């Protein structure tokens, strides 16, 4: 499953089932660019455990506001539509894998 780009209109539906890691980002954000290949790797290795979606906060301010996103990248981990974890800023692959595995059981 490829990383899917979501919008204000599709966000709620995309995070409603299973384990979903939502990346709140913007094209001008340096740390967002740094974390993108990490998320691609995780998507390739863990697609059976987690779905990854990306939301451009410049184009989708309503959803970012609803979840209180103040800094980017912000990663919210959803389980069946509910936020179960959150991290802000660049994260290593190891820490993200650990985060996902903690909630994948």
PDB file of N, CA and C in Angstrom:
ATOM      1  N   UNK A   1       0.850  -1.182   0.000  1.00  0.00           N
ATOM      2  CA  UNK A   1       0.000   0.000   0.000  1.00  0.00           C
ATOM      3  C   UNK A   1       0.893   1.241   0.000  1.00  0.00           C
ATOM      4  N   UNK A   2       0.646   2.132  -0.878  1.00  0.00           N
ATOM      5  CA  UNK A   2       1.444   3.353  -0.957  1.00  0.00           C
ATOM      6  C   UNK A   2       0.935   4.374   0.054  1.00  0.00           C
ATOM      7  N   UNK A   3       1.802   5.308   0.401  1.00  0.00           N
ATOM      8  CA  UNK A   3       1.393   6.406   1.266  1.00  0.00           C
ATOM      9  C   UNK A   3       0.362   7.236   0.506  1.00  0.00           C
ATOM     10  N   UNK A   4      -0.726   7.517   1.179  1.00  0.00           N
ATOM     11  CA  UNK A   4      -1.817   8.239   0.530  1.00  0.00           C
ATOM     12  C   UNK A   4      -1.864   9.685   1.008  1.00  0.00           C
ATOM     13  N   UNK A   5      -2.064  10.599   0.079  1.00  0.00           N
ATOM     14  CA  UNK A   5      -2.234  12.007   0.426  1.00  0.00           C
ATOM     15  C   UNK A   5      -3.721  12.249   0.651  1.00  0.00           C
ATOM     16  N   UNK A   6      -4.047  12.801   1.819  1.00  0.00           N
ATOM     17  CA  UNK A   6      -5.443  13.013   2.192  1.00  0.00           C
ATOM     18  C   UNK A   6      -5.734  14.508   2.316  1.00  0.00           C
ATOM     19  N   UNK A   7      -7.015  14.832   2.366  1.00  0.00           N
ATOM     20  CA  UNK A   7      -7.471  16.223   2.454  1.00  0.00           C
ATOM     21  C   UNK A   7      -8.413  16.360   3.647  1.00  0.00           C
ATOM     22  N   UNK A   8      -8.846  17.601   3.901  1.00  0.00           N
ATOM     23  CA  UNK A   8      -9.852  17.815   4.949  1.00  0.00           C
ATOM     24  C   UNK A   8     -11.067  16.923   4.709  1.00  0.00           C
ATOM     25  N   UNK A   9     -11.431  16.750   3.432  1.00  0.00           N
ATOM     26  CA  UNK A   9     -12.637  15.996   3.094  1.00  0.00           C
ATOM     27  C   UNK A   9     -12.463  14.484   3.296  1.00  0.00           C
ATOM     28  N   UNK A  10     -11.282  13.951   3.054  1.00  0.00           N
ATOM     29  CA  UNK A  10     -11.090  12.494   3.121  1.00  0.00           C
ATOM     30  C   UNK A  10     -10.424  12.013   4.401  1.00  0.00           C
ATOM     31  N   UNK A  11      -9.937  12.922   5.239  1.00  0.00           N
ATOM     32  CA  UNK A  11      -9.128  12.545   6.393  1.00  0.00           C
ATOM     33  C   UNK A  11      -9.851  11.598   7.350  1.00  0.00           C
ATOM     34  N   UNK A  12     -11.033  11.986   7.805  1.00  0.00           N
ATOM     35  CA  UNK A  12     -11.748  11.201   8.816  1.00  0.00           C
ATOM     36  C   UNK A  12     -11.998   9.774   8.346  1.00  0.00           C
ATOM     37  N   UNK A  13     -12.377   9.621   7.098  1.00  0.00           N
ATOM     38  CA  UNK A  13     -12.626   8.284   6.563  1.00  0.00           C
ATOM     39  C   UNK A  13     -11.333   7.468   6.517  1.00  0.00           C
ATOM     40  N   UNK A  14     -10.223   8.101   6.152  1.00  0.00           N
ATOM     41  CA  UNK A  14      -8.952   7.391   6.015  1.00  0.00           C
ATOM     42  C   UNK A  14      -8.414   6.879   7.341  1.00  0.00           C
ATOM     43  N   UNK A  15      -8.697   7.574   8.438  1.00  0.00           N
ATOM     44  CA  UNK A  15      -8.147   7.158   9.732  1.00  0.00           C
ATOM     45  C   UNK A  15      -9.154   6.381  10.577  1.00  0.00           C
ATOM     46  N   UNK A  16     -10.293   6.050  10.008  1.00  0.00           N
ATOM     47  CA  UNK A  16     -11.369   5.452  10.803  1.00  0.00           C
ATOM     48  C   UNK A  16     -11.196   3.965  11.090  1.00  0.00           C
ATOM     49  N   UNK A  17     -10.389   3.269  10.310  1.00  0.00           N
ATOM     50  CA  UNK A  17     -10.248   1.817  10.496  1.00  0.00           C
ATOM     51  C   UNK A  17      -8.804   1.410  10.628  1.00  0.00           C
ATOM     52  N   UNK A  18      -8.547   0.543  11.604  1.00  0.00           N
ATOM     53  CA  UNK A  18      -7.205  -0.008  11.766  1.00  0.00           C
ATOM     54  C   UNK A  18      -6.226   1.009  12.325  1.00  0.00           C
ATOM     55  N   UNK A  19      -4.935   0.709  12.140  1.00  0.00           N
ATOM     56  CA  UNK A  19      -3.856   1.552  12.634  1.00  0.00           C
ATOM     57  C   UNK A  19      -3.382   2.442  11.493  1.00  0.00           C
ATOM     58  N   UNK A  20      -3.447   3.766  11.701  1.00  0.00           N
ATOM     59  CA  UNK A  20      -3.083   4.731  10.656  1.00  0.00           C
ATOM     60  C   UNK A  20      -2.147   5.777  11.253  1.00  0.00           C
ATOM     61  N   UNK A  21      -1.012   5.979  10.601  1.00  0.00           N
ATOM     62  CA  UNK A  21      -0.072   7.030  10.993  1.00  0.00           C
ATOM     63  C   UNK A  21      -0.286   8.215  10.056  1.00  0.00           C
ATOM     64  N   UNK A  22      -0.706   9.339  10.624  1.00  0.00           N
ATOM     65  CA  UNK A  22      -0.982  10.539   9.827  1.00  0.00           C
ATOM     66  C   UNK A  22       0.160  11.529   9.992  1.00  0.00           C
ATOM     67  N   UNK A  23       0.765  11.900   8.874  1.00  0.00           N
ATOM     68  CA  UNK A  23       1.866  12.852   8.841  1.00  0.00           C
ATOM     69  C   UNK A  23       1.321  14.215   8.435  1.00  0.00           C
ATOM     70  N   UNK A  24       1.341  15.169   9.370  1.00  0.00           N
ATOM     71  CA  UNK A  24       0.944  16.545   9.089  1.00  0.00           C
ATOM     72  C   UNK A  24       2.214  17.278   8.666  1.00  0.00           C
ATOM     73  N   UNK A  25       2.241  17.771   7.424  1.00  0.00           N
ATOM     74  CA  UNK A  25       3.473  18.306   6.842  1.00  0.00           C
ATOM     75  C   UNK A  25       3.168  19.486   5.922  1.00  0.00           C
ATOM     76  N   UNK A  26       4.241  20.091   5.393  1.00  0.00           N
ATOM     77  CA  UNK A  26       4.114  21.143   4.374  1.00  0.00           C
ATOM     78  C   UNK A  26       5.339  21.053   3.460  1.00  0.00           C
ATOM     79  N   UNK A  27       5.183  21.421   2.187  1.00  0.00           N
ATOM     80  CA  UNK A  27       6.279  21.298   1.222  1.00  0.00           C
ATOM     81  C   UNK A  27       7.522  22.121   1.575  1.00  0.00           C
ATOM     82  N   UNK A  28       7.364  23.229   2.298  1.00  0.00           N
ATOM     83  CA  UNK A  28       8.484  24.111   2.640  1.00  0.00           C
ATOM     84  C   UNK A  28       9.214  23.703   3.909  1.00  0.00           C
ATOM     85  N   UNK A  29       8.748  22.674   4.588  1.00  0.00           N
ATOM     86  CA  UNK A  29       9.265  22.267   5.909  1.00  0.00           C
ATOM     87  C   UNK A  29      10.456  21.324   5.767  1.00  0.00           C
ATOM     88  N   UNK A  30      11.633  21.763   6.227  1.00  0.00           N
ATOM     89  CA  UNK A  30      12.849  20.950   6.139  1.00  0.00           C
ATOM     90  C   UNK A  30      12.742  19.608   6.848  1.00  0.00           C
ATOM     91  N   UNK A  31      12.369  19.575   8.142  1.00  0.00           N
ATOM     92  CA  UNK A  31      12.240  18.287   8.834  1.00  0.00           C
ATOM     93  C   UNK A  31      11.197  17.368   8.187  1.00  0.00           C
ATOM     94  N   UNK A  32      10.174  17.968   7.555  1.00  0.00           N
ATOM     95  CA  UNK A  32       9.156  17.161   6.853  1.00  0.00           C
ATOM     96  C   UNK A  32       9.805  16.427   5.676  1.00  0.00           C
ATOM     97  N   UNK A  33      10.689  17.126   4.975  1.00  0.00           N
ATOM     98  CA  UNK A  33      11.400  16.505   3.853  1.00  0.00           C
ATOM     99  C   UNK A  33      12.333  15.411   4.339  1.00  0.00           C
ATOM    100  N   UNK A  34      12.924  15.609   5.524  1.00  0.00           N
ATOM    101  CA  UNK A  34      13.837  14.606   6.085  1.00  0.00           C
ATOM    102  C   UNK A  34      13.102  13.334   6.498  1.00  0.00           C
ATOM    103  N   UNK A  35      11.888  13.489   7.008  1.00  0.00           N
ATOM    104  CA  UNK A  35      11.161  12.319   7.513  1.00  0.00           C
ATOM    105  C   UNK A  35      10.460  11.547   6.400  1.00  0.00           C
ATOM    106  N   UNK A  36      10.246  12.186   5.246  1.00  0.00           N
ATOM    107  CA  UNK A  36       9.517  11.530   4.148  1.00  0.00           C
ATOM    108  C   UNK A  36      10.127  10.190   3.736  1.00  0.00           C
ATOM    109  N   UNK A  37      11.466  10.088   3.509  1.00  0.00           N
ATOM    110  CA  UNK A  37      12.017   8.777   3.132  1.00  0.00           C
ATOM    111  C   UNK A  37      11.914   7.740   4.251  1.00  0.00           C
ATOM    112  N   UNK A  38      11.929   8.194   5.493  1.00  0.00           N
ATOM    113  CA  UNK A  38      11.762   7.280   6.636  1.00  0.00           C
ATOM    114  C   UNK A  38      10.361   6.677   6.587  1.00  0.00           C
ATOM    115  N   UNK A  39       9.374   7.517   6.318  1.00  0.00           N
ATOM    116  CA  UNK A  39       7.990   7.031   6.230  1.00  0.00           C
ATOM    117  C   UNK A  39       7.814   6.086   5.039  1.00  0.00           C
ATOM    118  N   UNK A  40       8.495   6.381   3.936  1.00  0.00           N
ATOM    119  CA  UNK A  40       8.441   5.488   2.760  1.00  0.00           C
ATOM    120  C   UNK A  40       8.983   4.101   3.112  1.00  0.00           C
ATOM    121  N   UNK A  41      10.103   4.079   3.834  1.00  0.00           N
ATOM    122  CA  UNK A  41      10.692   2.795   4.254  1.00  0.00           C
ATOM    123  C   UNK A  41       9.735   2.027   5.149  1.00  0.00           C
ATOM    124  N   UNK A  42       9.184   2.719   6.134  1.00  0.00           N
ATOM    125  CA  UNK A  42       8.258   2.063   7.068  1.00  0.00           C
ATOM    126  C   UNK A  42       7.041   1.544   6.315  1.00  0.00           C
ATOM    127  N   UNK A  43       6.543   2.322   5.377  1.00  0.00           N
ATOM    128  CA  UNK A  43       5.386   1.897   4.592  1.00  0.00           C
ATOM    129  C   UNK A  43       5.702   0.604   3.844  1.00  0.00           C
ATOM    130  N   UNK A  44       6.882   0.518   3.269  1.00  0.00           N
ATOM    131  CA  UNK A  44       7.266  -0.681   2.532  1.00  0.00           C
ATOM    132  C   UNK A  44       7.438  -1.901   3.408  1.00  0.00           C
ATOM    133  N   UNK A  45       7.904  -1.681   4.634  1.00  0.00           N
ATOM    134  CA  UNK A  45       8.211  -2.801   5.533  1.00  0.00           C
ATOM    135  C   UNK A  45       7.057  -3.191   6.444  1.00  0.00           C
ATOM    136  N   UNK A  46       6.143  -2.256   6.717  1.00  0.00           N
ATOM    137  CA  UNK A  46       5.112  -2.514   7.732  1.00  0.00           C
ATOM    138  C   UNK A  46       3.694  -2.324   7.201  1.00  0.00           C
ATOM    139  N   UNK A  47       3.522  -2.440   5.872  1.00  0.00           N
ATOM    140  CA  UNK A  47       2.204  -2.155   5.313  1.00  0.00           C
ATOM    141  C   UNK A  47       1.108  -3.081   5.832  1.00  0.00           C
ATOM    142  N   UNK A  48       1.499  -4.247   6.368  1.00  0.00           N
ATOM    143  CA  UNK A  48       0.505  -5.157   6.933  1.00  0.00           C
ATOM    144  C   UNK A  48       0.051  -4.707   8.320  1.00  0.00           C
ATOM    145  N   UNK A  49       0.808  -3.815   8.971  1.00  0.00           N
ATOM    146  CA  UNK A  49       0.473  -3.357  10.325  1.00  0.00           C
ATOM    147  C   UNK A  49      -0.144  -1.969  10.357  1.00  0.00           C
ATOM    148  N   UNK A  50       0.306  -1.089   9.456  1.00  0.00           N
ATOM    149  CA  UNK A  50      -0.084   0.314   9.548  1.00  0.00           C
ATOM    150  C   UNK A  50      -0.249   0.920   8.161  1.00  0.00           C
ATOM    151  N   UNK A  51      -1.206   1.820   8.038  1.00  0.00           N
ATOM    152  CA  UNK A  51      -1.371   2.608   6.823  1.00  0.00           C
ATOM    153  C   UNK A  51      -0.816   3.994   7.133  1.00  0.00           C
ATOM    154  N   UNK A  52      -0.103   4.586   6.187  1.00  0.00           N
ATOM    155  CA  UNK A  52       0.447   5.927   6.380  1.00  0.00           C
ATOM    156  C   UNK A  52      -0.255   6.893   5.430  1.00  0.00           C
ATOM    157  N   UNK A  53      -0.699   8.016   5.996  1.00  0.00           N
ATOM    158  CA  UNK A  53      -1.315   9.063   5.187  1.00  0.00           C
ATOM    159  C   UNK A  53      -0.596  10.383   5.465  1.00  0.00           C
ATOM    160  N   UNK A  54      -0.608  11.279   4.477  1.00  0.00           N
ATOM    161  CA  UNK A  54       0.024  12.588   4.610  1.00  0.00           C
ATOM    162  C   UNK A  54      -1.020  13.666   4.369  1.00  0.00           C
ATOM    163  N   UNK A  55      -0.994  14.692   5.223  1.00  0.00           N
ATOM    164  CA  UNK A  55      -1.919  15.815   5.088  1.00  0.00           C
ATOM    165  C   UNK A  55      -1.101  17.107   5.019  1.00  0.00           C
ATOM    166  N   UNK A  56      -1.199  17.796   3.906  1.00  0.00           N
ATOM    167  CA  UNK A  56      -0.525  19.082   3.719  1.00  0.00           C
ATOM    168  C   UNK A  56      -1.282  20.126   4.542  1.00  0.00           C
ATOM    169  N   UNK A  57      -0.633  20.666   5.585  1.00  0.00           N
ATOM    170  CA  UNK A  57      -1.336  21.573   6.502  1.00  0.00           C
ATOM    171  C   UNK A  57      -1.654  22.921   5.860  1.00  0.00           C
ATOM    172  N   UNK A  58      -0.898  23.321   4.846  1.00  0.00           N
ATOM    173  CA  UNK A  58      -1.190  24.592   4.170  1.00  0.00           C
ATOM    174  C   UNK A  58      -2.501  24.512   3.398  1.00  0.00           C
ATOM    175  N   UNK A  59      -2.755  23.372   2.795  1.00  0.00           N
ATOM    176  CA  UNK A  59      -3.954  23.197   1.973  1.00  0.00           C
ATOM    177  C   UNK A  59      -5.145  22.654   2.762  1.00  0.00           C
ATOM    178  N   UNK A  60      -4.900  22.145   3.961  1.00  0.00           N
ATOM    179  CA  UNK A  60      -5.949  21.492   4.751  1.00  0.00           C
ATOM    180  C   UNK A  60      -5.883  21.968   6.202  1.00  0.00           C
ATOM    181  N   UNK A  61      -6.103  23.254   6.393  1.00  0.00           N
ATOM    182  CA  UNK A  61      -5.937  23.860   7.713  1.00  0.00           C
ATOM    183  C   UNK A  61      -7.017  23.438   8.711  1.00  0.00           C
ATOM    184  N   UNK A  62      -8.180  23.073   8.207  1.00  0.00           N
ATOM    185  CA  UNK A  62      -9.275  22.702   9.112  1.00  0.00           C
ATOM    186  C   UNK A  62      -8.912  21.462   9.934  1.00  0.00           C
ATOM    187  N   UNK A  63      -8.429  20.418   9.267  1.00  0.00           N
ATOM    188  CA  UNK A  63      -8.080  19.185   9.972  1.00  0.00           C
ATOM    189  C   UNK A  63      -6.903  19.421  10.914  1.00  0.00           C
ATOM    190  N   UNK A  64      -5.888  20.145  10.460  1.00  0.00           N
ATOM    191  CA  UNK A  64      -4.739  20.449  11.319  1.00  0.00           C
ATOM    192  C   UNK A  64      -5.203  21.191  12.571  1.00  0.00           C
ATOM    193  N   UNK A  65      -6.103  22.144  12.400  1.00  0.00           N
ATOM    194  CA  UNK A  65      -6.644  22.890  13.535  1.00  0.00           C
ATOM    195  C   UNK A  65      -7.452  22.018  14.477  1.00  0.00           C
ATOM    196  N   UNK A  66      -8.231  21.110  13.909  1.00  0.00           N
ATOM    197  CA  UNK A  66      -9.057  20.210  14.729  1.00  0.00           C
ATOM    198  C   UNK A  66      -8.211  19.363  15.671  1.00  0.00           C
ATOM    199  N   UNK A  67      -6.996  19.018  15.249  1.00  0.00           N
ATOM    200  CA  UNK A  67      -6.127  18.177  16.064  1.00  0.00           C
ATOM    201  C   UNK A  67      -5.047  18.983  16.783  1.00  0.00           C
ATOM    202  N   UNK A  68      -5.157  20.310  16.751  1.00  0.00           N
ATOM    203  CA  UNK A  68      -4.240  21.164  17.495  1.00  0.00           C
ATOM    204  C   UNK A  68      -2.804  21.113  17.004  1.00  0.00           C
ATOM    205  N   UNK A  69      -2.616  20.877  15.711  1.00  0.00           N
ATOM    206  CA  UNK A  69      -1.266  20.793  15.159  1.00  0.00           C
ATOM    207  C   UNK A  69      -0.685  22.209  15.077  1.00  0.00           C
ATOM    208  N   UNK A  70       0.392  22.448  15.838  1.00  0.00           N
ATOM    209  CA  UNK A  70       1.041  23.757  15.886  1.00  0.00           C
ATOM    210  C   UNK A  70       2.410  23.737  15.221  1.00  0.00           C
ATOM    211  N   UNK A  71       3.079  22.589  15.252  1.00  0.00           N
ATOM    212  CA  UNK A  71       4.411  22.441  14.669  1.00  0.00           C
ATOM    213  C   UNK A  71       4.376  21.267  13.703  1.00  0.00           C
ATOM    214  N   UNK A  72       5.217  21.350  12.681  1.00  0.00           N
ATOM    215  CA  UNK A  72       5.289  20.230  11.749  1.00  0.00           C
ATOM    216  C   UNK A  72       6.749  19.807  11.579  1.00  0.00           C
ATOM    217  N   UNK A  73       7.008  18.551  11.288  1.00  0.00           N
ATOM    218  CA  UNK A  73       5.985  17.512  11.139  1.00  0.00           C
ATOM    219  C   UNK A  73       5.396  17.092  12.490  1.00  0.00           C
ATOM    220  N   UNK A  74       4.108  16.870  12.493  1.00  0.00           N
ATOM    221  CA  UNK A  74       3.425  16.229  13.611  1.00  0.00           C
ATOM    222  C   UNK A  74       2.895  14.908  13.077  1.00  0.00           C
ATOM    223  N   UNK A  75       3.151  13.846  13.809  1.00  0.00           N
ATOM    224  CA  UNK A  75       2.661  12.521  13.430  1.00  0.00           C
ATOM    225  C   UNK A  75       1.666  12.070  14.481  1.00  0.00           C
ATOM    226  N   UNK A  76       0.445  11.806  14.048  1.00  0.00           N
ATOM    227  CA  UNK A  76      -0.590  11.289  14.938  1.00  0.00           C
ATOM    228  C   UNK A  76      -0.851   9.839  14.570  1.00  0.00           C
ATOM    229  N   UNK A  77      -0.883   8.983  15.571  1.00  0.00           N
ATOM    230  CA  UNK A  77      -1.184   7.574  15.340  1.00  0.00           C
ATOM    231  C   UNK A  77      -2.626   7.321  15.759  1.00  0.00           C
ATOM    232  N   UNK A  78      -3.424   6.867  14.808  1.00  0.00           N
ATOM    233  CA  UNK A  78      -4.838   6.580  15.041  1.00  0.00           C
ATOM    234  C   UNK A  78      -5.059   5.080  15.100  1.00  0.00           C
ATOM    235  N   UNK A  79      -5.931   4.669  16.001  1.00  0.00           N
ATOM    236  CA  UNK A  79      -6.384   3.274  16.026  1.00  0.00           C
ATOM    237  C   UNK A  79      -7.897   3.325  15.990  1.00  0.00           C
ATOM    238  N   UNK A  80      -8.468   2.827  14.883  1.00  0.00           N
ATOM    239  CA  UNK A  80      -9.917   2.829  14.679  1.00  0.00           C
ATOM    240  C   UNK A  80     -10.522   4.214  14.902  1.00  0.00           C
ATOM    241  N   UNK A  81      -9.860   5.235  14.369  1.00  0.00           N
ATOM    242  CA  UNK A  81     -10.390   6.590  14.395  1.00  0.00           C
ATOM    243  C   UNK A  81     -10.027   7.426  15.606  1.00  0.00           C
ATOM    244  N   UNK A  82      -9.400   6.830  16.610  1.00  0.00           N
ATOM    245  CA  UNK A  82      -9.032   7.556  17.826  1.00  0.00           C
ATOM    246  C   UNK A  82      -7.525   7.779  17.871  1.00  0.00           C
ATOM    247  N   UNK A  83      -7.090   8.976  18.284  1.00  0.00           N
ATOM    248  CA  UNK A  83      -5.660   9.250  18.429  1.00  0.00           C
ATOM    249  C   UNK A  83      -5.140   8.470  19.637  1.00  0.00           C
ATOM    250  N   UNK A  84      -4.123   7.631  19.407  1.00  0.00           N
ATOM    251  CA  UNK A  84      -3.547   6.850  20.500  1.00  0.00           C
ATOM    252  C   UNK A  84      -2.127   7.295  20.829  1.00  0.00           C
ATOM    253  N   UNK A  85      -1.495   8.069  19.943  1.00  0.00           N
ATOM    254  CA  UNK A  85      -0.144   8.551  20.204  1.00  0.00           C
ATOM    255  C   UNK A  85       0.162   9.722  19.290  1.00  0.00           C
ATOM    256  N   UNK A  86       1.175  10.509  19.686  1.00  0.00           N
ATOM    257  CA  UNK A  86       1.550  11.686  18.908  1.00  0.00           C
ATOM    258  C   UNK A  86       3.026  11.976  19.130  1.00  0.00           C
ATOM    259  N   UNK A  87       3.723  12.324  18.044  1.00  0.00           N
ATOM    260  CA  UNK A  87       5.101  12.795  18.137  1.00  0.00           C
ATOM    261  C   UNK A  87       5.246  14.021  17.233  1.00  0.00           C
ATOM    262  N   UNK A  88       6.140  14.925  17.633  1.00  0.00           N
ATOM    263  CA  UNK A  88       6.354  16.163  16.875  1.00  0.00           C
ATOM    264  C   UNK A  88       7.832  16.266  16.529  1.00  0.00           C
ATOM    265  N   UNK A  89       8.097  16.679  15.293  1.00  0.00           N
ATOM    266  CA  UNK A  89       9.478  16.840  14.851  1.00  0.00           C
ATOM    267  C   UNK A  89      10.005  15.585  14.188  1.00  0.00           C
ATOM    268  N   UNK A  90      11.229  15.699  13.667  1.00  0.00           N
ATOM    269  CA  UNK A  90      11.844  14.554  12.996  1.00  0.00           C
ATOM    270  C   UNK A  90      12.002  13.406  13.974  1.00  0.00           C
ATOM    271  N   UNK A  91      11.689  12.197  13.524  1.00  0.00           N
ATOM    272  CA  UNK A  91      11.836  10.983  14.332  1.00  0.00           C
ATOM    273  C   UNK A  91      12.657   9.972  13.553  1.00  0.00           C
ATOM    274  N   UNK A  92      13.441   9.186  14.271  1.00  0.00           N
ATOM    275  CA  UNK A  92      14.200   8.127  13.608  1.00  0.00           C
ATOM    276  C   UNK A  92      13.257   6.998  13.211  1.00  0.00           C
ATOM    277  N   UNK A  93      13.700   6.206  12.264  1.00  0.00           N
ATOM    278  CA  UNK A  93      12.911   5.051  11.841  1.00  0.00           C
ATOM    279  C   UNK A  93      12.653   4.130  13.032  1.00  0.00           C
ATOM    280  N   UNK A  94      13.688   3.905  13.839  1.00  0.00           N
ATOM    281  CA  UNK A  94      13.564   3.004  14.989  1.00  0.00           C
ATOM    282  C   UNK A  94      12.481   3.476  15.959  1.00  0.00           C
ATOM    283  N   UNK A  95      12.456   4.781  16.241  1.00  0.00           N
ATOM    284  CA  UNK A  95      11.461   5.264  17.205  1.00  0.00           C
ATOM    285  C   UNK A  95      10.049   5.167  16.637  1.00  0.00           C
ATOM    286  N   UNK A  96       9.892   5.388  15.332  1.00  0.00           N
ATOM    287  CA  UNK A  96       8.568   5.270  14.717  1.00  0.00           C
ATOM    288  C   UNK A  96       8.103   3.821  14.665  1.00  0.00           C
ATOM    289  N   UNK A  97       9.017   2.907  14.353  1.00  0.00           N
ATOM    290  CA  UNK A  97       8.673   1.479  14.337  1.00  0.00           C
ATOM    291  C   UNK A  97       8.242   1.033  15.726  1.00  0.00           C
ATOM    292  N   UNK A  98       8.973   1.508  16.745  1.00  0.00           N
ATOM    293  CA  UNK A  98       8.628   1.182  18.122  1.00  0.00           C
ATOM    294  C   UNK A  98       7.245   1.722  18.478  1.00  0.00           C
ATOM    295  N   UNK A  99       6.965   2.944  18.078  1.00  0.00           N
ATOM    296  CA  UNK A  99       5.660   3.572  18.315  1.00  0.00           C
ATOM    297  C   UNK A  99       4.533   2.749  17.685  1.00  0.00           C
ATOM    298  N   UNK A 100       4.723   2.358  16.434  1.00  0.00           N
ATOM    299  CA  UNK A 100       3.714   1.576  15.708  1.00  0.00           C
ATOM    300  C   UNK A 100       3.516   0.213  16.371  1.00  0.00           C
ATOM    301  N   UNK A 101       4.624  -0.460  16.681  1.00  0.00           N
ATOM    302  CA  UNK A 101       4.537  -1.794  17.283  1.00  0.00           C
ATOM    303  C   UNK A 101       3.843  -1.769  18.645  1.00  0.00           C
ATOM    304  N   UNK A 102       4.011  -0.672  19.379  1.00  0.00           N
ATOM    305  CA  UNK A 102       3.387  -0.535  20.695  1.00  0.00           C
ATOM    306  C   UNK A 102       1.864  -0.595  20.592  1.00  0.00           C
ATOM    307  N   UNK A 103       1.328  -0.130  19.471  1.00  0.00           N
ATOM    308  CA  UNK A 103      -0.131  -0.065  19.315  1.00  0.00           C
ATOM    309  C   UNK A 103      -0.678  -1.093  18.319  1.00  0.00           C
ATOM    310  N   UNK A 104       0.197  -1.868  17.702  1.00  0.00           N
ATOM    311  CA  UNK A 104      -0.240  -2.807  16.667  1.00  0.00           C
ATOM    312  C   UNK A 104      -0.827  -4.083  17.221  1.00  0.00           C
ATOM    313  N   UNK A 105      -0.624  -4.332  18.500  1.00  0.00           N
ATOM    314  CA  UNK A 105      -1.083  -5.605  19.089  1.00  0.00           C
ATOM    315  C   UNK A 105      -2.593  -5.699  19.142  1.00  0.00           C
TER     316      UNK A 105
END
